[in-house]
Amino acid sequence: MTRVAAIDCGTNSIRLLVADADPATGELTDLDRRMTIVRLGQGVDRTGRLAPEALERTFAACREYAGVVKEHGAQRLRFVATSASRDAENRDDFVRGVMDILGVEPEVISGDQEAEFSFTGATKELTGREDLGKPYLVVDIGGGSTEFVVGDDHVRAARSVDVGCVRMTERHLVHDGAVSDPPTEAQVAAMRADIEAALDLAEETVPLREAHTLVGLAGSVTTVSAIAQELPEYDSAAIHHSRVSRERVREITDWLLRSTHAERAAVPSMHPGRVDVIGAGALVLLAIMERTGAEEVVVSEHDILDGIAWSVA
């Protein structure tokens, strides 16, 4: 057993996993798994820079996570940073801040590396499931980008495209400095066109339609599952490996894009940090299911964070 810690810092959220890894059995035993919405990518698509307040929110979460890692006595820590910090001109400020707090340098990984970690984390425990045919298509819908990975036991093809729930919201649904409540038909159509263009790009590299099982990762997908199940609160165990039909995803997406901020915030399983961006995230998922012909999505709570932990172990 090796006690490891993994941090995944994305565009919308930063997450920590402390776990005991047993390479002999392929099992990760969670000791602590937590997530904080920090919106590190706030405004990056427009300004090209990480905002000072976004950096401070992220550093505050890092200080909390440093205490958790120390408390559990993790032997190794790996900090991976994704889309927002990859795109920003002032990412050196981010790197210095993380090193001061956690003592490790954040690795600003490529989209291909992101895809590899996501695939490993999502599929390692699906091996041997006869009801889930291979190859898998793993889609990780983040805040700033979406990763597409097709593989059996290993990755065959992968592509990262700049379509995510925060980026699409900021690009298409913000008017006069505020998120439209609800968005107009024209705004939704423009966002849909952007997503379809990104799917065209992904399909140049990844055979999206060849997969037998669609596995969906990250907060937009897990929140759609929670809504589909009408959960009274966010329940990770109920969400993990749940299945949501394409028709149900379409119904939920349509409602999210017609609803007001107050209506979305009233959903008991909705994280407050997702209220304004969940409509865009759900639309990305729906567009993927329509493009690939997937009748359902298998929802996984295990994703890039678990892949990072395995890479440390």
Protein backbone atom coordinates (compact mmCIF):
# COMPACT_ATOMS: atom_id res chain seq x y z
CA MET A 1 0.00 0.00 0.00
CA THR A 2 1.16 3.49 -0.84
CA ARG A 3 -0.61 6.52 0.64
CA VAL A 4 -0.82 9.15 -2.08
CA ALA A 5 -2.40 12.54 -2.60
CA ALA A 6 -3.57 14.00 -5.89
CA ILE A 7 -4.80 17.50 -6.65
CA ASP A 8 -6.58 18.40 -9.88
CA CYS A 9 -6.88 22.13 -10.44
CA GLY A 10 -9.24 22.89 -13.31
CA THR A 11 -10.97 25.95 -14.71
CA ASN A 12 -13.96 25.82 -12.37
CA SER A 13 -12.95 23.66 -9.41
CA ILE A 14 -9.97 22.32 -7.47
CA ARG A 15 -10.19 18.80 -6.06
CA LEU A 16 -8.19 16.69 -3.64
CA LEU A 17 -7.94 12.92 -3.25
CA VAL A 18 -5.96 11.23 -0.49
CA ALA A 19 -6.02 7.46 -0.93
CA ASP A 20 -4.24 4.20 -0.23
CA ALA A 21 -3.24 2.59 -3.52
CA ASP A 22 -2.78 -1.15 -3.87
CA PRO A 23 -1.16 -1.86 -7.25
CA ALA A 24 -1.58 -5.64 -6.72
CA THR A 25 -5.40 -5.44 -6.68
CA GLY A 26 -5.87 -2.24 -8.69
CA GLU A 27 -7.82 -0.68 -5.83
CA LEU A 28 -7.79 2.87 -4.50
CA THR A 29 -9.19 3.26 -1.01
CA ASP A 30 -10.37 6.82 -0.43
CA LEU A 31 -9.32 8.51 2.80
CA ASP A 32 -10.43 12.01 1.80
CA ARG A 33 -12.02 13.31 -1.40
CA ARG A 34 -13.17 16.91 -1.61
CA MET A 35 -13.90 19.65 -4.11
CA THR A 36 -13.98 23.46 -3.95
CA ILE A 37 -15.38 25.75 -6.64
CA VAL A 38 -12.71 28.44 -7.15
CA ARG A 39 -13.38 29.61 -10.74
CA LEU A 40 -9.66 29.90 -11.49
CA GLY A 41 -10.58 30.42 -15.14
CA GLN A 42 -12.71 33.51 -14.42
CA GLY A 43 -12.27 35.81 -17.44
CA VAL A 44 -9.29 33.93 -18.91
CA ASP A 45 -11.03 33.40 -22.26
CA ARG A 46 -11.45 37.19 -22.55
CA THR A 47 -8.31 38.61 -20.89
CA GLY A 48 -5.74 35.83 -21.25
CA ARG A 49 -4.82 36.30 -17.58
CA LEU A 50 -5.70 34.73 -14.22
CA ALA A 51 -7.65 37.27 -12.16
CA PRO A 52 -6.13 38.22 -8.74
CA GLU A 53 -9.34 37.27 -6.89
CA ALA A 54 -9.44 33.90 -8.72
CA LEU A 55 -5.85 33.20 -7.68
CA GLU A 56 -6.63 34.07 -4.05
CA ARG A 57 -9.66 31.74 -3.99
CA THR A 58 -7.45 28.96 -5.36
CA PHE A 59 -4.64 29.60 -2.88
CA ALA A 60 -7.15 29.55 0.01
CA ALA A 61 -8.27 26.07 -1.11
CA CYS A 62 -4.62 24.98 -1.41
CA ARG A 63 -3.98 26.03 2.20
CA GLU A 64 -6.93 23.91 3.33
CA TYR A 65 -5.73 20.95 1.25
CA ALA A 66 -2.18 21.24 2.61
CA GLY A 67 -3.59 20.64 6.10
CA VAL A 68 -5.53 17.56 4.96
CA VAL A 69 -2.50 16.03 3.20
CA LYS A 70 -0.36 16.56 6.30
CA GLU A 71 -3.05 15.14 8.60
CA HIS A 72 -3.27 11.89 6.62
CA GLY A 73 0.48 11.56 6.20
CA ALA A 74 0.47 11.07 2.43
CA GLN A 75 3.87 9.91 1.21
CA ARG A 76 3.61 11.49 -2.23
CA LEU A 77 1.66 14.41 -3.70
CA ARG A 78 1.11 15.33 -7.32
CA PHE A 79 -0.58 18.58 -8.35
CA VAL A 80 -1.91 18.76 -11.89
CA ALA A 81 -3.26 21.96 -13.42
CA THR A 82 -5.39 22.00 -16.51
CA SER A 83 -6.98 24.33 -19.01
CA ALA A 84 -7.12 27.77 -17.35
CA SER A 85 -3.53 27.78 -16.08
CA ARG A 86 -2.31 26.39 -19.40
CA ASP A 87 -3.82 29.35 -21.26
CA ALA A 88 -2.90 32.22 -18.92
CA GLU A 89 -0.10 34.75 -19.51
CA ASN A 90 0.56 35.10 -15.78
CA ARG A 91 0.63 31.41 -14.92
CA ASP A 92 4.01 31.94 -13.18
CA ASP A 93 2.13 33.73 -10.36
CA PHE A 94 -0.01 30.62 -9.98
CA VAL A 95 3.00 28.27 -9.97
CA ARG A 96 4.84 30.30 -7.31
CA GLY A 97 1.78 30.49 -5.05
CA VAL A 98 1.15 26.74 -5.17
CA MET A 99 4.81 25.92 -4.47
CA ASP A 100 4.85 28.25 -1.46
CA ILE A 101 1.77 26.57 0.04
CA LEU A 102 2.13 22.89 -0.90
CA GLY A 103 5.83 22.50 -1.63
CA VAL A 104 5.27 20.93 -5.04
CA GLU A 105 5.25 22.47 -8.47
CA PRO A 106 1.92 22.33 -10.29
CA GLU A 107 2.32 20.44 -13.54
CA VAL A 108 0.54 22.25 -16.33
CA ILE A 109 -0.20 19.17 -18.40
CA SER A 110 -1.15 18.89 -22.04
CA GLY A 111 -4.63 17.95 -23.18
CA ASP A 112 -3.30 14.53 -24.22
CA GLN A 113 -1.92 13.86 -20.72
CA GLU A 114 -5.22 15.03 -19.25
CA ALA A 115 -7.02 12.53 -21.46
CA GLU A 116 -4.75 9.65 -20.39
CA PHE A 117 -5.34 10.33 -16.69
CA SER A 118 -9.10 10.68 -17.20
CA PHE A 119 -9.29 7.38 -19.08
CA THR A 120 -7.31 5.47 -16.44
CA GLY A 121 -9.34 6.92 -13.58
CA ALA A 122 -12.69 6.27 -15.24
CA THR A 123 -12.18 2.78 -16.65
CA LYS A 124 -9.80 0.96 -14.29
CA GLU A 125 -12.71 -0.46 -12.27
CA LEU A 126 -14.94 -1.22 -15.30
CA THR A 127 -12.70 -4.06 -16.45
CA GLY A 128 -14.63 -7.31 -16.55
CA ARG A 129 -18.07 -5.69 -16.72
CA GLU A 130 -19.80 -7.78 -19.42
CA ASP A 131 -22.72 -5.33 -19.65
CA LEU A 132 -20.42 -2.52 -20.78
CA GLY A 133 -18.92 -3.21 -24.19
CA LYS A 134 -15.53 -1.97 -25.38
CA PRO A 135 -14.19 0.26 -26.70
CA TYR A 136 -15.07 2.97 -24.21
CA LEU A 137 -15.46 6.64 -25.11
CA VAL A 138 -14.55 8.66 -22.01
CA VAL A 139 -15.64 12.31 -22.09
CA ASP A 140 -14.45 14.67 -19.36
CA ILE A 141 -16.48 17.88 -19.58
CA GLY A 142 -14.51 20.47 -17.62
CA GLY A 143 -14.81 24.19 -17.16
CA GLY A 144 -12.51 25.25 -19.98
CA SER A 145 -12.05 22.15 -22.10
CA THR A 146 -13.49 18.72 -22.85
CA GLU A 147 -11.34 15.63 -23.29
CA PHE A 148 -12.36 12.78 -25.58
CA VAL A 149 -10.62 9.43 -25.21
CA VAL A 150 -11.35 6.15 -26.98
CA GLY A 151 -9.71 2.96 -25.78
CA ASP A 152 -10.07 -0.63 -24.65
CA ASP A 153 -7.59 -1.41 -21.87
CA HIS A 154 -5.37 1.43 -23.07
CA VAL A 155 -5.89 4.72 -24.88
CA ARG A 156 -6.22 4.40 -28.65
CA ALA A 157 -6.93 8.03 -29.50
CA ALA A 158 -7.44 11.24 -27.54
CA ARG A 159 -8.21 14.90 -28.18
CA SER A 160 -8.81 17.94 -26.00
CA VAL A 161 -10.96 20.78 -27.36
CA ASP A 162 -11.62 24.21 -25.88
CA VAL A 163 -15.27 23.67 -25.01
CA GLY A 164 -16.31 23.60 -21.36
CA CYS A 165 -19.14 24.80 -19.17
CA VAL A 166 -17.40 27.98 -17.95
CA ARG A 167 -15.87 28.89 -21.32
CA MET A 168 -19.19 28.40 -23.17
CA THR A 169 -21.12 30.35 -20.53
CA GLU A 170 -18.71 33.30 -20.60
CA ARG A 171 -18.46 33.28 -24.38
CA HIS A 172 -22.16 32.98 -25.22
CA LEU A 173 -24.45 33.50 -22.24
CA VAL A 174 -23.08 36.66 -20.61
CA HIS A 175 -24.75 39.96 -21.53
CA ASP A 176 -23.82 43.31 -19.93
CA GLY A 177 -21.64 41.53 -17.39
CA ALA A 178 -24.30 39.11 -16.15
CA VAL A 179 -25.36 35.58 -17.18
CA SER A 180 -28.63 35.73 -19.13
CA ASP A 181 -31.51 34.50 -17.00
CA PRO A 182 -32.62 32.48 -18.94
CA PRO A 183 -30.55 32.64 -22.17
CA THR A 184 -32.16 33.60 -25.46
CA GLU A 185 -32.70 31.14 -28.29
CA ALA A 186 -30.01 32.98 -30.29
CA GLN A 187 -27.48 32.60 -27.47
CA VAL A 188 -28.20 28.88 -27.15
CA ALA A 189 -27.95 28.42 -30.94
CA ALA A 190 -24.56 30.18 -31.02
CA MET A 191 -23.30 28.02 -28.17
CA ARG A 192 -24.56 24.88 -29.89
CA ALA A 193 -22.75 25.85 -33.11
CA ASP A 194 -19.51 26.34 -31.16
CA ILE A 195 -19.89 22.90 -29.54
CA GLU A 196 -20.62 21.22 -32.89
CA ALA A 197 -17.48 22.80 -34.39
CA ALA A 198 -15.45 21.44 -31.46
CA LEU A 199 -16.92 17.97 -32.02
CA ASP A 200 -15.85 18.20 -35.66
CA LEU A 201 -12.30 18.89 -34.42
CA ALA A 202 -12.38 16.02 -31.94
CA GLU A 203 -13.64 13.63 -34.61
CA GLU A 204 -10.62 14.37 -36.79
CA THR A 205 -8.52 12.50 -34.20
CA VAL A 206 -10.89 10.34 -32.16
CA PRO A 207 -13.34 7.82 -33.71
CA LEU A 208 -16.24 9.00 -31.56
CA ARG A 209 -18.85 6.78 -33.21
CA GLU A 210 -16.92 3.51 -32.80
CA ALA A 211 -17.33 3.29 -29.03
CA HIS A 212 -19.80 0.86 -27.48
CA THR A 213 -19.94 2.55 -24.05
CA LEU A 214 -20.01 6.29 -23.31
CA VAL A 215 -18.52 7.15 -19.91
CA GLY A 216 -19.14 10.71 -18.69
CA LEU A 217 -16.99 12.50 -16.11
CA ALA A 218 -16.89 15.71 -14.08
CA GLY A 219 -19.39 18.02 -12.42
CA SER A 220 -21.67 18.81 -15.33
CA VAL A 221 -22.30 15.10 -15.98
CA THR A 222 -22.64 14.08 -12.32
CA THR A 223 -25.06 16.96 -11.69
CA VAL A 224 -27.22 15.89 -14.64
CA SER A 225 -27.33 12.40 -13.11
CA ALA A 226 -28.33 13.81 -9.72
CA ILE A 227 -31.15 15.78 -11.36
CA ALA A 228 -32.25 12.73 -13.37
CA GLN A 229 -32.50 10.69 -10.17
CA GLU A 230 -34.25 13.56 -8.34
CA LEU A 231 -31.83 13.12 -5.44
CA PRO A 232 -32.69 15.06 -2.26
CA GLU A 233 -29.00 15.99 -1.99
CA TYR A 234 -25.79 15.31 -3.89
CA ASP A 235 -25.04 11.62 -3.27
CA SER A 236 -21.77 10.41 -4.77
CA ALA A 237 -22.57 6.72 -4.18
CA ALA A 238 -25.93 7.00 -5.99
CA ILE A 239 -24.36 8.90 -8.88
CA HIS A 240 -21.30 6.66 -9.43
CA HIS A 241 -22.00 4.22 -12.29
CA SER A 242 -25.57 5.47 -12.71
CA ARG A 243 -26.92 5.50 -16.25
CA VAL A 244 -28.86 8.33 -17.85
CA SER A 245 -30.66 7.94 -21.18
CA ARG A 246 -30.17 10.39 -24.03
CA GLU A 247 -33.85 11.36 -23.88
CA ARG A 248 -33.56 12.17 -20.16
CA VAL A 249 -30.41 14.23 -20.79
CA ARG A 250 -32.33 16.14 -23.49
CA GLU A 251 -35.24 16.85 -21.12
CA ILE A 252 -32.91 18.08 -18.37
CA THR A 253 -30.84 20.22 -20.76
CA ASP A 254 -33.96 21.85 -22.20
CA TRP A 255 -35.20 22.67 -18.71
CA LEU A 256 -31.82 24.03 -17.56
CA LEU A 257 -31.62 26.35 -20.59
CA ARG A 258 -35.18 27.63 -20.01
CA SER A 259 -34.91 28.04 -16.24
CA THR A 260 -33.97 31.06 -14.16
CA HIS A 261 -31.04 31.28 -11.75
CA ALA A 262 -33.43 30.91 -8.81
CA GLU A 263 -35.05 27.78 -10.27
CA ARG A 264 -31.70 26.10 -10.88
CA ALA A 265 -30.41 27.11 -7.44
CA ALA A 266 -33.47 25.46 -5.87
CA VAL A 267 -32.43 22.02 -7.18
CA PRO A 268 -31.33 20.25 -3.96
CA SER A 269 -28.38 18.42 -5.55
CA MET A 270 -26.99 21.55 -7.30
CA HIS A 271 -23.67 22.94 -6.06
CA PRO A 272 -24.00 26.75 -5.81
CA GLY A 273 -20.91 27.16 -7.98
CA ARG A 274 -22.57 25.29 -10.86
CA VAL A 275 -25.87 27.17 -11.01
CA ASP A 276 -24.79 29.55 -13.79
CA VAL A 277 -22.73 27.07 -15.86
CA ILE A 278 -24.70 23.80 -15.67
CA GLY A 279 -26.86 24.63 -18.72
CA ALA A 280 -23.80 24.93 -20.94
CA GLY A 281 -22.27 21.75 -19.48
CA ALA A 282 -25.46 19.77 -20.05
CA LEU A 283 -25.65 21.00 -23.65
CA VAL A 284 -22.10 19.75 -24.29
CA LEU A 285 -23.12 16.32 -22.97
CA LEU A 286 -26.28 16.23 -25.07
CA ALA A 287 -24.41 17.24 -28.24
CA ILE A 288 -21.88 14.44 -27.65
CA MET A 289 -24.63 11.85 -27.18
CA GLU A 290 -26.42 12.98 -30.33
CA ARG A 291 -23.19 12.99 -32.35
CA THR A 292 -22.13 9.51 -31.22
CA GLY A 293 -25.59 7.96 -31.16
CA ALA A 294 -25.09 6.88 -27.53
CA GLU A 295 -28.41 5.76 -26.03
CA GLU A 296 -27.13 6.35 -22.51
CA VAL A 297 -24.19 7.71 -20.56
CA VAL A 298 -22.52 5.77 -17.74
CA VAL A 299 -21.67 8.36 -15.10
CA SER A 300 -18.40 8.02 -13.19
CA GLU A 301 -17.30 9.83 -10.07
CA HIS A 302 -13.82 8.47 -10.72
CA ASP A 303 -11.91 10.50 -13.24
CA ILE A 304 -8.71 12.44 -13.79
CA LEU A 305 -8.16 12.74 -10.03
CA ASP A 306 -8.03 8.95 -9.68
CA GLY A 307 -5.77 8.73 -12.75
CA ILE A 308 -3.38 11.23 -11.15
CA ALA A 309 -3.36 9.19 -7.92
CA TRP A 310 -2.49 6.02 -9.87
CA SER A 311 0.33 7.85 -11.64
CA VAL A 312 1.81 8.74 -8.24
CA ALA A 313 1.39 5.21 -6.90
